[in-house]
C-alpha cells in the first residue's frame, strides 16, 4: 500500500455555537490541512497519483472556506464549524472528488494552531 499526503492552508473566522468559553466569540485561525490518500496501484511510470491533481482538488475545497466566516458558508449547511466538523467535511468532499481517481482518501488532519489538531479517519 502506498500512502500520499498533501498539505495546504486557509484563513477563516468562526465562532463555536454552544461552547462555554472564549471560542464562542468571533475569532479566526490560519488553518493547516493535511489530506492522506492511499492506493495499492502504480501507473505505468511508477506513480500512485499526481500530487498536482491532489493539490488542485484540496485547493478547490479550501477556496470555499478561505477568508470566510465559516458559520455562514452555504456548503457547510449550518454545521458548528469545529475543527472536528471541518475535518469530516473536507474528508467527505475529498472522497467525492477522488471517486474517479486511483487513490482514495484515508484521513484528514486539520490544525487550528501549532499545538492543536484533529485527525478524521473513516474506519
PDB file of N, CA and C in Angstrom:
ATOM      1  N   UNK A   1       0.850  -1.174   0.000  1.00  0.00           N
ATOM      2  CA  UNK A   1       0.000   0.000   0.000  1.00  0.00           C
ATOM      3  C   UNK A   1       0.895   1.237   0.000  1.00  0.00           C
ATOM      4  N   UNK A   2       0.496   2.218  -0.780  1.00  0.00           N
ATOM      5  CA  UNK A   2       1.204   3.492  -0.838  1.00  0.00           C
ATOM      6  C   UNK A   2       0.329   4.558  -0.185  1.00  0.00           C
ATOM      7  N   UNK A   3       0.966   5.392   0.630  1.00  0.00           N
ATOM      8  CA  UNK A   3       0.270   6.480   1.309  1.00  0.00           C
ATOM      9  C   UNK A   3       0.859   7.799   0.845  1.00  0.00           C
ATOM     10  N   UNK A   4      -0.010   8.708   0.407  1.00  0.00           N
ATOM     11  CA  UNK A   4       0.412  10.018  -0.073  1.00  0.00           C
ATOM     12  C   UNK A   4      -0.223  11.076   0.823  1.00  0.00           C
ATOM     13  N   UNK A   5       0.444  12.210   0.957  1.00  0.00           N
ATOM     14  CA  UNK A   5      -0.189  13.310   1.677  1.00  0.00           C
ATOM     15  C   UNK A   5       0.159  14.633   1.028  1.00  0.00           C
ATOM     16  N   UNK A   6      -0.780  15.554   1.158  1.00  0.00           N
ATOM     17  CA  UNK A   6      -0.644  16.912   0.637  1.00  0.00           C
ATOM     18  C   UNK A   6      -1.148  17.844   1.732  1.00  0.00           C
ATOM     19  N   UNK A   7      -0.477  18.964   1.894  1.00  0.00           N
ATOM     20  CA  UNK A   7      -0.839  19.947   2.909  1.00  0.00           C
ATOM     21  C   UNK A   7      -1.083  21.294   2.260  1.00  0.00           C
ATOM     22  N   UNK A   8      -2.086  21.999   2.752  1.00  0.00           N
ATOM     23  CA  UNK A   8      -2.393  23.355   2.287  1.00  0.00           C
ATOM     24  C   UNK A   8      -2.952  24.131   3.479  1.00  0.00           C
ATOM     25  N   UNK A   9      -3.234  25.397   3.276  1.00  0.00           N
ATOM     26  CA  UNK A   9      -3.716  26.248   4.361  1.00  0.00           C
ATOM     27  C   UNK A   9      -4.879  27.111   3.900  1.00  0.00           C
ATOM     28  N   UNK A  10      -5.631  27.617   4.875  1.00  0.00           N
ATOM     29  CA  UNK A  10      -6.624  28.646   4.608  1.00  0.00           C
ATOM     30  C   UNK A  10      -6.806  29.455   5.884  1.00  0.00           C
ATOM     31  N   UNK A  11      -7.271  30.666   5.731  1.00  0.00           N
ATOM     32  CA  UNK A  11      -7.554  31.554   6.862  1.00  0.00           C
ATOM     33  C   UNK A  11      -9.046  31.808   6.908  1.00  0.00           C
ATOM     34  N   UNK A  12      -9.621  31.725   8.096  1.00  0.00           N
ATOM     35  CA  UNK A  12     -11.063  31.939   8.211  1.00  0.00           C
ATOM     36  C   UNK A  12     -11.420  32.301   9.645  1.00  0.00           C
ATOM     37  N   UNK A  13     -12.597  32.894   9.774  1.00  0.00           N
ATOM     38  CA  UNK A  13     -13.147  33.238  11.076  1.00  0.00           C
ATOM     39  C   UNK A  13     -14.316  32.315  11.383  1.00  0.00           C
ATOM     40  N   UNK A  14     -14.569  32.141  12.671  1.00  0.00           N
ATOM     41  CA  UNK A  14     -15.731  31.363  13.102  1.00  0.00           C
ATOM     42  C   UNK A  14     -16.006  31.662  14.561  1.00  0.00           C
ATOM     43  N   UNK A  15     -17.097  31.134  15.023  1.00  0.00           N
ATOM     44  CA  UNK A  15     -17.404  31.107  16.450  1.00  0.00           C
ATOM     45  C   UNK A  15     -18.044  29.755  16.726  1.00  0.00           C
ATOM     46  N   UNK A  16     -17.788  29.211  17.895  1.00  0.00           N
ATOM     47  CA  UNK A  16     -18.323  27.906  18.245  1.00  0.00           C
ATOM     48  C   UNK A  16     -19.626  28.070  19.013  1.00  0.00           C
ATOM     49  N   UNK A  17     -20.692  27.660  18.392  1.00  0.00           N
ATOM     50  CA  UNK A  17     -22.022  27.763  18.990  1.00  0.00           C
ATOM     51  C   UNK A  17     -22.172  26.709  20.079  1.00  0.00           C
ATOM     52  N   UNK A  18     -22.743  27.113  21.201  1.00  0.00           N
ATOM     53  CA  UNK A  18     -22.975  26.185  22.295  1.00  0.00           C
ATOM     54  C   UNK A  18     -21.764  25.935  23.178  1.00  0.00           C
ATOM     55  N   UNK A  19     -20.647  26.559  22.865  1.00  0.00           N
ATOM     56  CA  UNK A  19     -19.423  26.386  23.644  1.00  0.00           C
ATOM     57  C   UNK A  19     -19.371  27.439  24.731  1.00  0.00           C
ATOM     58  N   UNK A  20     -19.032  27.035  25.947  1.00  0.00           N
ATOM     59  CA  UNK A  20     -18.920  27.972  27.062  1.00  0.00           C
ATOM     60  C   UNK A  20     -17.446  28.332  27.232  1.00  0.00           C
ATOM     61  N   UNK A  21     -17.051  29.423  26.644  1.00  0.00           N
ATOM     62  CA  UNK A  21     -15.667  29.867  26.722  1.00  0.00           C
ATOM     63  C   UNK A  21     -15.384  30.877  25.642  1.00  0.00           C
ATOM     64  N   UNK A  22     -14.127  31.290  25.569  1.00  0.00           N
ATOM     65  CA  UNK A  22     -13.726  32.357  24.653  1.00  0.00           C
ATOM     66  C   UNK A  22     -14.009  32.029  23.193  1.00  0.00           C
ATOM     67  N   UNK A  23     -13.970  30.758  22.828  1.00  0.00           N
ATOM     68  CA  UNK A  23     -14.172  30.397  21.420  1.00  0.00           C
ATOM     69  C   UNK A  23     -15.625  30.555  20.959  1.00  0.00           C
ATOM     70  N   UNK A  24     -16.511  30.907  21.883  1.00  0.00           N
ATOM     71  CA  UNK A  24     -17.878  31.229  21.462  1.00  0.00           C
ATOM     72  C   UNK A  24     -17.942  32.624  20.849  1.00  0.00           C
ATOM     73  N   UNK A  25     -16.881  33.396  21.031  1.00  0.00           N
ATOM     74  CA  UNK A  25     -16.765  34.721  20.416  1.00  0.00           C
ATOM     75  C   UNK A  25     -16.151  34.590  19.021  1.00  0.00           C
ATOM     76  N   UNK A  26     -16.452  35.553  18.183  1.00  0.00           N
ATOM     77  CA  UNK A  26     -15.862  35.595  16.847  1.00  0.00           C
ATOM     78  C   UNK A  26     -14.342  35.649  16.961  1.00  0.00           C
ATOM     79  N   UNK A  27     -13.664  34.743  16.252  1.00  0.00           N
ATOM     80  CA  UNK A  27     -12.202  34.712  16.214  1.00  0.00           C
ATOM     81  C   UNK A  27     -11.765  34.002  14.938  1.00  0.00           C
ATOM     82  N   UNK A  28     -10.485  34.009  14.658  1.00  0.00           N
ATOM     83  CA  UNK A  28     -10.005  33.399  13.427  1.00  0.00           C
ATOM     84  C   UNK A  28      -8.801  32.513  13.645  1.00  0.00           C
ATOM     85  N   UNK A  29      -8.505  31.730  12.604  1.00  0.00           N
ATOM     86  CA  UNK A  29      -7.348  30.837  12.608  1.00  0.00           C
ATOM     87  C   UNK A  29      -6.704  30.858  11.231  1.00  0.00           C
ATOM     88  N   UNK A  30      -5.441  30.536  11.215  1.00  0.00           N
ATOM     89  CA  UNK A  30      -4.747  30.171   9.983  1.00  0.00           C
ATOM     90  C   UNK A  30      -4.661  28.652  10.033  1.00  0.00           C
ATOM     91  N   UNK A  31      -5.624  28.018   9.391  1.00  0.00           N
ATOM     92  CA  UNK A  31      -5.770  26.564   9.453  1.00  0.00           C
ATOM     93  C   UNK A  31      -4.754  25.887   8.540  1.00  0.00           C
ATOM     94  N   UNK A  32      -4.221  24.763   8.973  1.00  0.00           N
ATOM     95  CA  UNK A  32      -3.380  23.918   8.130  1.00  0.00           C
ATOM     96  C   UNK A  32      -4.110  22.592   7.954  1.00  0.00           C
ATOM     97  N   UNK A  33      -4.218  22.144   6.709  1.00  0.00           N
ATOM     98  CA  UNK A  33      -4.957  20.924   6.400  1.00  0.00           C
ATOM     99  C   UNK A  33      -4.040  19.962   5.667  1.00  0.00           C
ATOM    100  N   UNK A  34      -3.952  18.736   6.191  1.00  0.00           N
ATOM    101  CA  UNK A  34      -3.195  17.672   5.523  1.00  0.00           C
ATOM    102  C   UNK A  34      -4.173  16.562   5.183  1.00  0.00           C
ATOM    103  N   UNK A  35      -4.185  16.170   3.911  1.00  0.00           N
ATOM    104  CA  UNK A  35      -5.006  15.044   3.494  1.00  0.00           C
ATOM    105  C   UNK A  35      -4.098  13.862   3.204  1.00  0.00           C
ATOM    106  N   UNK A  36      -4.517  12.687   3.659  1.00  0.00           N
ATOM    107  CA  UNK A  36      -3.784  11.455   3.417  1.00  0.00           C
ATOM    108  C   UNK A  36      -4.584  10.554   2.502  1.00  0.00           C
ATOM    109  N   UNK A  37      -3.926  10.061   1.461  1.00  0.00           N
ATOM    110  CA  UNK A  37      -4.563   9.172   0.491  1.00  0.00           C
ATOM    111  C   UNK A  37      -3.837   7.843   0.482  1.00  0.00           C
ATOM    112  N   UNK A  38      -4.514   6.821  -0.045  1.00  0.00           N
ATOM    113  CA  UNK A  38      -3.895   5.508  -0.154  1.00  0.00           C
ATOM    114  C   UNK A  38      -4.273   4.847  -1.472  1.00  0.00           C
ATOM    115  N   UNK A  39      -3.381   4.003  -1.946  1.00  0.00           N
ATOM    116  CA  UNK A  39      -3.633   3.191  -3.132  1.00  0.00           C
ATOM    117  C   UNK A  39      -2.655   2.028  -3.134  1.00  0.00           C
ATOM    118  N   UNK A  40      -3.028   0.964  -3.780  1.00  0.00           N
ATOM    119  CA  UNK A  40      -2.097  -0.159  -3.915  1.00  0.00           C
ATOM    120  C   UNK A  40      -1.617  -0.311  -5.354  1.00  0.00           C
ATOM    121  N   UNK A  41      -1.966   0.676  -6.181  1.00  0.00           N
ATOM    122  CA  UNK A  41      -1.611   0.607  -7.599  1.00  0.00           C
ATOM    123  C   UNK A  41      -0.693   1.755  -7.991  1.00  0.00           C
ATOM    124  N   UNK A  42       0.207   1.463  -8.919  1.00  0.00           N
ATOM    125  CA  UNK A  42       1.044   2.490  -9.530  1.00  0.00           C
ATOM    126  C   UNK A  42       0.735   2.526 -11.015  1.00  0.00           C
ATOM    127  N   UNK A  43       0.895   3.694 -11.624  1.00  0.00           N
ATOM    128  CA  UNK A  43       0.673   3.787 -13.070  1.00  0.00           C
ATOM    129  C   UNK A  43       1.900   3.269 -13.815  1.00  0.00           C
ATOM    130  N   UNK A  44       1.873   3.400 -15.126  1.00  0.00           N
ATOM    131  CA  UNK A  44       2.936   2.845 -15.971  1.00  0.00           C
ATOM    132  C   UNK A  44       4.303   3.488 -15.744  1.00  0.00           C
ATOM    133  N   UNK A  45       4.350   4.665 -15.140  1.00  0.00           N
ATOM    134  CA  UNK A  45       5.651   5.290 -14.856  1.00  0.00           C
ATOM    135  C   UNK A  45       6.037   5.175 -13.381  1.00  0.00           C
ATOM    136  N   UNK A  46       5.218   4.457 -12.599  1.00  0.00           N
ATOM    137  CA  UNK A  46       5.552   4.211 -11.203  1.00  0.00           C
ATOM    138  C   UNK A  46       5.021   5.228 -10.222  1.00  0.00           C
ATOM    139  N   UNK A  47       3.975   5.978 -10.605  1.00  0.00           N
ATOM    140  CA  UNK A  47       3.370   6.957  -9.695  1.00  0.00           C
ATOM    141  C   UNK A  47       2.030   6.433  -9.179  1.00  0.00           C
ATOM    142  N   UNK A  48       1.756   6.722  -7.921  1.00  0.00           N
ATOM    143  CA  UNK A  48       0.460   6.355  -7.344  1.00  0.00           C
ATOM    144  C   UNK A  48      -0.618   7.317  -7.831  1.00  0.00           C
ATOM    145  N   UNK A  49      -0.336   8.610  -7.744  1.00  0.00           N
ATOM    146  CA  UNK A  49      -1.234   9.647  -8.235  1.00  0.00           C
ATOM    147  C   UNK A  49      -0.457  10.942  -8.298  1.00  0.00           C
ATOM    148  N   UNK A  50      -0.721  11.730  -9.284  1.00  0.00           N
ATOM    149  CA  UNK A  50      -0.041  13.007  -9.473  1.00  0.00           C
ATOM    150  C   UNK A  50      -0.367  13.940  -8.302  1.00  0.00           C
ATOM    151  N   UNK A  51       0.671  14.405  -7.588  1.00  0.00           N
ATOM    152  CA  UNK A  51       0.451  15.327  -6.478  1.00  0.00           C
ATOM    153  C   UNK A  51      -0.265  16.596  -6.932  1.00  0.00           C
ATOM    154  N   UNK A  52      -0.024  17.029  -8.165  1.00  0.00           N
ATOM    155  CA  UNK A  52      -0.681  18.225  -8.685  1.00  0.00           C
ATOM    156  C   UNK A  52      -2.188  18.090  -8.703  1.00  0.00           C
ATOM    157  N   UNK A  53      -2.688  16.907  -9.021  1.00  0.00           N
ATOM    158  CA  UNK A  53      -4.136  16.667  -9.023  1.00  0.00           C
ATOM    159  C   UNK A  53      -4.680  16.724  -7.601  1.00  0.00           C
ATOM    160  N   UNK A  54      -3.981  16.083  -6.675  1.00  0.00           N
ATOM    161  CA  UNK A  54      -4.421  16.088  -5.277  1.00  0.00           C
ATOM    162  C   UNK A  54      -4.440  17.520  -4.742  1.00  0.00           C
ATOM    163  N   UNK A  55      -3.377  18.273  -5.019  1.00  0.00           N
ATOM    164  CA  UNK A  55      -3.293  19.665  -4.563  1.00  0.00           C
ATOM    165  C   UNK A  55      -4.433  20.505  -5.138  1.00  0.00           C
ATOM    166  N   UNK A  56      -4.750  20.282  -6.389  1.00  0.00           N
ATOM    167  CA  UNK A  56      -5.814  21.038  -7.049  1.00  0.00           C
ATOM    168  C   UNK A  56      -7.173  20.737  -6.423  1.00  0.00           C
ATOM    169  N   UNK A  57      -7.434  19.471  -6.146  1.00  0.00           N
ATOM    170  CA  UNK A  57      -8.708  19.092  -5.519  1.00  0.00           C
ATOM    171  C   UNK A  57      -8.815  19.724  -4.135  1.00  0.00           C
ATOM    172  N   UNK A  58      -7.753  19.604  -3.338  1.00  0.00           N
ATOM    173  CA  UNK A  58      -7.780  20.178  -1.996  1.00  0.00           C
ATOM    174  C   UNK A  58      -7.937  21.693  -2.060  1.00  0.00           C
ATOM    175  N   UNK A  59      -7.218  22.333  -2.951  1.00  0.00           N
ATOM    176  CA  UNK A  59      -7.302  23.793  -3.048  1.00  0.00           C
ATOM    177  C   UNK A  59      -8.707  24.246  -3.418  1.00  0.00           C
ATOM    178  N   UNK A  60      -9.380  23.509  -4.294  1.00  0.00           N
ATOM    179  CA  UNK A  60     -10.741  23.907  -4.680  1.00  0.00           C
ATOM    180  C   UNK A  60     -11.700  23.839  -3.490  1.00  0.00           C
ATOM    181  N   UNK A  61     -11.485  22.883  -2.600  1.00  0.00           N
ATOM    182  CA  UNK A  61     -12.314  22.774  -1.398  1.00  0.00           C
ATOM    183  C   UNK A  61     -11.988  23.911  -0.431  1.00  0.00           C
ATOM    184  N   UNK A  62     -10.700  24.151  -0.219  1.00  0.00           N
ATOM    185  CA  UNK A  62     -10.290  25.182   0.733  1.00  0.00           C
ATOM    186  C   UNK A  62     -10.603  26.585   0.232  1.00  0.00           C
ATOM    187  N   UNK A  63     -10.650  26.771  -1.084  1.00  0.00           N
ATOM    188  CA  UNK A  63     -11.007  28.078  -1.635  1.00  0.00           C
ATOM    189  C   UNK A  63     -12.395  28.521  -1.179  1.00  0.00           C
ATOM    190  N   UNK A  64     -13.299  27.575  -0.960  1.00  0.00           N
ATOM    191  CA  UNK A  64     -14.649  27.891  -0.492  1.00  0.00           C
ATOM    192  C   UNK A  64     -14.641  28.382   0.957  1.00  0.00           C
ATOM    193  N   UNK A  65     -13.606  27.999   1.698  1.00  0.00           N
ATOM    194  CA  UNK A  65     -13.526  28.329   3.121  1.00  0.00           C
ATOM    195  C   UNK A  65     -12.607  29.508   3.404  1.00  0.00           C
ATOM    196  N   UNK A  66     -11.691  29.781   2.498  1.00  0.00           N
ATOM    197  CA  UNK A  66     -10.667  30.791   2.726  1.00  0.00           C
ATOM    198  C   UNK A  66     -11.260  32.191   2.858  1.00  0.00           C
ATOM    199  N   UNK A  67     -10.833  32.891   3.885  1.00  0.00           N
ATOM    200  CA  UNK A  67     -11.262  34.263   4.175  1.00  0.00           C
ATOM    201  C   UNK A  67     -12.785  34.384   4.265  1.00  0.00           C
ATOM    202  N   UNK A  68     -13.388  33.354   4.843  1.00  0.00           N
ATOM    203  CA  UNK A  68     -14.841  33.335   5.028  1.00  0.00           C
ATOM    204  C   UNK A  68     -15.170  33.305   6.512  1.00  0.00           C
ATOM    205  N   UNK A  69     -16.401  33.652   6.814  1.00  0.00           N
ATOM    206  CA  UNK A  69     -16.954  33.439   8.150  1.00  0.00           C
ATOM    207  C   UNK A  69     -17.610  32.066   8.085  1.00  0.00           C
ATOM    208  N   UNK A  70     -16.969  31.059   8.652  1.00  0.00           N
ATOM    209  CA  UNK A  70     -17.365  29.675   8.456  1.00  0.00           C
ATOM    210  C   UNK A  70     -18.799  29.375   8.895  1.00  0.00           C
ATOM    211  N   UNK A  71     -19.297  30.091   9.888  1.00  0.00           N
ATOM    212  CA  UNK A  71     -20.667  29.865  10.337  1.00  0.00           C
ATOM    213  C   UNK A  71     -21.697  30.172   9.251  1.00  0.00           C
ATOM    214  N   UNK A  72     -21.304  30.963   8.250  1.00  0.00           N
ATOM    215  CA  UNK A  72     -22.229  31.359   7.178  1.00  0.00           C
ATOM    216  C   UNK A  72     -21.918  30.737   5.820  1.00  0.00           C
ATOM    217  N   UNK A  73     -20.955  29.827   5.713  1.00  0.00           N
ATOM    218  CA  UNK A  73     -20.611  29.217   4.427  1.00  0.00           C
ATOM    219  C   UNK A  73     -21.732  28.261   4.025  1.00  0.00           C
ATOM    220  N   UNK A  74     -22.395  28.510   2.881  1.00  0.00           N
ATOM    221  CA  UNK A  74     -23.552  27.689   2.494  1.00  0.00           C
ATOM    222  C   UNK A  74     -23.269  26.190   2.416  1.00  0.00           C
ATOM    223  N   UNK A  75     -22.120  25.794   1.903  1.00  0.00           N
ATOM    224  CA  UNK A  75     -21.847  24.361   1.738  1.00  0.00           C
ATOM    225  C   UNK A  75     -21.655  23.635   3.072  1.00  0.00           C
ATOM    226  N   UNK A  76     -21.446  24.369   4.164  1.00  0.00           N
ATOM    227  CA  UNK A  76     -21.325  23.737   5.481  1.00  0.00           C
ATOM    228  C   UNK A  76     -22.694  23.470   6.111  1.00  0.00           C
ATOM    229  N   UNK A  77     -23.754  23.933   5.462  1.00  0.00           N
ATOM    230  CA  UNK A  77     -25.135  23.633   5.864  1.00  0.00           C
ATOM    231  C   UNK A  77     -25.421  23.915   7.333  1.00  0.00           C
ATOM    232  N   UNK A  78     -24.882  25.013   7.851  1.00  0.00           N
ATOM    233  CA  UNK A  78     -25.186  25.413   9.214  1.00  0.00           C
ATOM    234  C   UNK A  78     -24.505  24.601  10.302  1.00  0.00           C
ATOM    235  N   UNK A  79     -23.585  23.714   9.951  1.00  0.00           N
ATOM    236  CA  UNK A  79     -22.911  22.927  10.986  1.00  0.00           C
ATOM    237  C   UNK A  79     -22.031  23.826  11.854  1.00  0.00           C
ATOM    238  N   UNK A  80     -21.861  23.444  13.090  1.00  0.00           N
ATOM    239  CA  UNK A  80     -20.985  24.159  14.002  1.00  0.00           C
ATOM    240  C   UNK A  80     -19.550  23.953  13.496  1.00  0.00           C
ATOM    241  N   UNK A  81     -18.826  25.020  13.129  1.00  0.00           N
ATOM    242  CA  UNK A  81     -17.528  24.863  12.471  1.00  0.00           C
ATOM    243  C   UNK A  81     -16.380  24.561  13.442  1.00  0.00           C
ATOM    244  N   UNK A  82     -16.512  23.452  14.155  1.00  0.00           N
ATOM    245  CA  UNK A  82     -15.423  22.964  14.996  1.00  0.00           C
ATOM    246  C   UNK A  82     -14.348  22.357  14.100  1.00  0.00           C
ATOM    247  N   UNK A  83     -13.167  22.178  14.631  1.00  0.00           N
ATOM    248  CA  UNK A  83     -12.108  21.506  13.863  1.00  0.00           C
ATOM    249  C   UNK A  83     -12.549  20.097  13.472  1.00  0.00           C
ATOM    250  N   UNK A  84     -13.265  19.425  14.379  1.00  0.00           N
ATOM    251  CA  UNK A  84     -13.732  18.072  14.099  1.00  0.00           C
ATOM    252  C   UNK A  84     -14.687  18.057  12.905  1.00  0.00           C
ATOM    253  N   UNK A  85     -15.665  18.955  12.913  1.00  0.00           N
ATOM    254  CA  UNK A  85     -16.619  19.006  11.806  1.00  0.00           C
ATOM    255  C   UNK A  85     -15.957  19.417  10.502  1.00  0.00           C
ATOM    256  N   UNK A  86     -15.006  20.336  10.561  1.00  0.00           N
ATOM    257  CA  UNK A  86     -14.302  20.748   9.343  1.00  0.00           C
ATOM    258  C   UNK A  86     -13.482  19.599   8.775  1.00  0.00           C
ATOM    259  N   UNK A  87     -12.825  18.834   9.632  1.00  0.00           N
ATOM    260  CA  UNK A  87     -12.041  17.685   9.163  1.00  0.00           C
ATOM    261  C   UNK A  87     -12.937  16.670   8.461  1.00  0.00           C
ATOM    262  N   UNK A  88     -14.097  16.379   9.055  1.00  0.00           N
ATOM    263  CA  UNK A  88     -15.036  15.432   8.423  1.00  0.00           C
ATOM    264  C   UNK A  88     -15.568  15.988   7.101  1.00  0.00           C
ATOM    265  N   UNK A  89     -15.907  17.269   7.072  1.00  0.00           N
ATOM    266  CA  UNK A  89     -16.410  17.900   5.848  1.00  0.00           C
ATOM    267  C   UNK A  89     -15.380  17.795   4.718  1.00  0.00           C
ATOM    268  N   UNK A  90     -14.132  18.131   5.009  1.00  0.00           N
ATOM    269  CA  UNK A  90     -13.080  18.067   3.990  1.00  0.00           C
ATOM    270  C   UNK A  90     -12.864  16.626   3.541  1.00  0.00           C
ATOM    271  N   UNK A  91     -12.904  15.684   4.474  1.00  0.00           N
ATOM    272  CA  UNK A  91     -12.776  14.265   4.141  1.00  0.00           C
ATOM    273  C   UNK A  91     -13.870  13.845   3.156  1.00  0.00           C
ATOM    274  N   UNK A  92     -15.109  14.177   3.475  1.00  0.00           N
ATOM    275  CA  UNK A  92     -16.235  13.785   2.619  1.00  0.00           C
ATOM    276  C   UNK A  92     -16.149  14.427   1.242  1.00  0.00           C
ATOM    277  N   UNK A  93     -15.737  15.676   1.175  1.00  0.00           N
ATOM    278  CA  UNK A  93     -15.574  16.344  -0.128  1.00  0.00           C
ATOM    279  C   UNK A  93     -14.450  15.705  -0.929  1.00  0.00           C
ATOM    280  N   UNK A  94     -13.322  15.422  -0.280  1.00  0.00           N
ATOM    281  CA  UNK A  94     -12.213  14.761  -0.977  1.00  0.00           C
ATOM    282  C   UNK A  94     -12.644  13.391  -1.487  1.00  0.00           C
ATOM    283  N   UNK A  95     -13.398  12.666  -0.683  1.00  0.00           N
ATOM    284  CA  UNK A  95     -13.869  11.341  -1.070  1.00  0.00           C
ATOM    285  C   UNK A  95     -14.674  11.407  -2.365  1.00  0.00           C
ATOM    286  N   UNK A  96     -15.569  12.380  -2.465  1.00  0.00           N
ATOM    287  CA  UNK A  96     -16.372  12.550  -3.687  1.00  0.00           C
ATOM    288  C   UNK A  96     -15.498  12.915  -4.881  1.00  0.00           C
ATOM    289  N   UNK A  97     -14.577  13.852  -4.679  1.00  0.00           N
ATOM    290  CA  UNK A  97     -13.740  14.337  -5.776  1.00  0.00           C
ATOM    291  C   UNK A  97     -12.749  13.279  -6.267  1.00  0.00           C
ATOM    292  N   UNK A  98     -12.381  12.343  -5.413  1.00  0.00           N
ATOM    293  CA  UNK A  98     -11.403  11.317  -5.777  1.00  0.00           C
ATOM    294  C   UNK A  98     -12.042  10.059  -6.362  1.00  0.00           C
ATOM    295  N   UNK A  99     -13.359  10.034  -6.478  1.00  0.00           N
ATOM    296  CA  UNK A  99     -14.063   8.824  -6.922  1.00  0.00           C
ATOM    297  C   UNK A  99     -13.539   8.281  -8.248  1.00  0.00           C
ATOM    298  N   UNK A 100     -13.143   9.147  -9.159  1.00  0.00           N
ATOM    299  CA  UNK A 100     -12.682   8.703 -10.483  1.00  0.00           C
ATOM    300  C   UNK A 100     -11.159   8.544 -10.550  1.00  0.00           C
ATOM    301  N   UNK A 101     -10.496   8.607  -9.418  1.00  0.00           N
ATOM    302  CA  UNK A 101      -9.031   8.540  -9.387  1.00  0.00           C
ATOM    303  C   UNK A 101      -8.575   7.247  -8.714  1.00  0.00           C
ATOM    304  N   UNK A 102      -7.311   6.857  -8.924  1.00  0.00           N
ATOM    305  CA  UNK A 102      -6.829   5.579  -8.392  1.00  0.00           C
ATOM    306  C   UNK A 102      -6.577   5.560  -6.885  1.00  0.00           C
ATOM    307  N   UNK A 103      -6.458   6.714  -6.246  1.00  0.00           N
ATOM    308  CA  UNK A 103      -6.214   6.773  -4.804  1.00  0.00           C
ATOM    309  C   UNK A 103      -7.491   7.182  -4.083  1.00  0.00           C
ATOM    310  N   UNK A 104      -7.611   6.775  -2.845  1.00  0.00           N
ATOM    311  CA  UNK A 104      -8.785   7.147  -2.044  1.00  0.00           C
ATOM    312  C   UNK A 104      -8.323   7.845  -0.770  1.00  0.00           C
ATOM    313  N   UNK A 105      -9.200   8.655  -0.229  1.00  0.00           N
ATOM    314  CA  UNK A 105      -8.889   9.395   0.991  1.00  0.00           C
ATOM    315  C   UNK A 105      -8.851   8.414   2.159  1.00  0.00           C
ATOM    316  N   UNK A 106      -7.894   8.585   3.051  1.00  0.00           N
ATOM    317  CA  UNK A 106      -7.879   7.751   4.256  1.00  0.00           C
ATOM    318  C   UNK A 106      -7.889   8.587   5.526  1.00  0.00           C
ATOM    319  N   UNK A 107      -7.464   9.867   5.456  1.00  0.00           N
ATOM    320  CA  UNK A 107      -7.548  10.713   6.637  1.00  0.00           C
ATOM    321  C   UNK A 107      -7.381  12.177   6.279  1.00  0.00           C
ATOM    322  N   UNK A 108      -7.901  13.008   7.172  1.00  0.00           N
ATOM    323  CA  UNK A 108      -7.714  14.451   7.082  1.00  0.00           C
ATOM    324  C   UNK A 108      -7.283  14.930   8.457  1.00  0.00           C
ATOM    325  N   UNK A 109      -6.187  15.675   8.488  1.00  0.00           N
ATOM    326  CA  UNK A 109      -5.753  16.323   9.721  1.00  0.00           C
ATOM    327  C   UNK A 109      -5.903  17.818   9.537  1.00  0.00           C
ATOM    328  N   UNK A 110      -6.522  18.471  10.502  1.00  0.00           N
ATOM    329  CA  UNK A 110      -6.684  19.912  10.444  1.00  0.00           C
ATOM    330  C   UNK A 110      -6.108  20.507  11.728  1.00  0.00           C
ATOM    331  N   UNK A 111      -5.231  21.493  11.558  1.00  0.00           N
ATOM    332  CA  UNK A 111      -4.584  22.172  12.682  1.00  0.00           C
ATOM    333  C   UNK A 111      -5.114  23.594  12.747  1.00  0.00           C
ATOM    334  N   UNK A 112      -5.655  23.956  13.900  1.00  0.00           N
ATOM    335  CA  UNK A 112      -6.117  25.330  14.064  1.00  0.00           C
ATOM    336  C   UNK A 112      -5.041  26.185  14.707  1.00  0.00           C
ATOM    337  N   UNK A 113      -3.986  25.546  15.201  1.00  0.00           N
ATOM    338  CA  UNK A 113      -2.823  26.247  15.743  1.00  0.00           C
ATOM    339  C   UNK A 113      -1.628  25.310  15.633  1.00  0.00           C
ATOM    340  N   UNK A 114      -0.481  25.792  16.040  1.00  0.00           N
ATOM    341  CA  UNK A 114       0.731  24.964  16.013  1.00  0.00           C
ATOM    342  C   UNK A 114       0.657  23.820  17.019  1.00  0.00           C
ATOM    343  N   UNK A 115      -0.227  23.942  18.005  1.00  0.00           N
ATOM    344  CA  UNK A 115      -0.274  22.960  19.085  1.00  0.00           C
ATOM    345  C   UNK A 115      -1.554  22.134  19.138  1.00  0.00           C
ATOM    346  N   UNK A 116      -2.500  22.376  18.235  1.00  0.00           N
ATOM    347  CA  UNK A 116      -3.794  21.696  18.317  1.00  0.00           C
ATOM    348  C   UNK A 116      -4.237  21.192  16.949  1.00  0.00           C
ATOM    349  N   UNK A 117      -4.558  19.908  16.884  1.00  0.00           N
ATOM    350  CA  UNK A 117      -5.044  19.363  15.617  1.00  0.00           C
ATOM    351  C   UNK A 117      -6.042  18.238  15.885  1.00  0.00           C
ATOM    352  N   UNK A 118      -6.792  17.944  14.844  1.00  0.00           N
ATOM    353  CA  UNK A 118      -7.764  16.850  14.842  1.00  0.00           C
ATOM    354  C   UNK A 118      -7.503  16.016  13.599  1.00  0.00           C
ATOM    355  N   UNK A 119      -7.597  14.706  13.729  1.00  0.00           N
ATOM    356  CA  UNK A 119      -7.498  13.800  12.583  1.00  0.00           C
ATOM    357  C   UNK A 119      -8.837  13.086  12.445  1.00  0.00           C
ATOM    358  N   UNK A 120      -9.392  13.113  11.232  1.00  0.00           N
ATOM    359  CA  UNK A 120     -10.618  12.360  10.949  1.00  0.00           C
ATOM    360  C   UNK A 120     -10.264  11.229  10.002  1.00  0.00           C
ATOM    361  N   UNK A 121     -10.649  10.018  10.392  1.00  0.00           N
ATOM    362  CA  UNK A 121     -10.496   8.817   9.565  1.00  0.00           C
ATOM    363  C   UNK A 121     -11.831   8.104   9.553  1.00  0.00           C
ATOM    364  N   UNK A 122     -12.185   7.554   8.431  1.00  0.00           N
ATOM    365  CA  UNK A 122     -13.411   6.762   8.338  1.00  0.00           C
ATOM    366  C   UNK A 122     -12.994   5.310   8.422  1.00  0.00           C
ATOM    367  N   UNK A 123     -13.142   4.728   9.609  1.00  0.00           N
ATOM    368  CA  UNK A 123     -12.667   3.332   9.818  1.00  0.00           C
ATOM    369  C   UNK A 123     -13.630   2.312   9.368  1.00  0.00           C
TER     370      UNK A 123
END
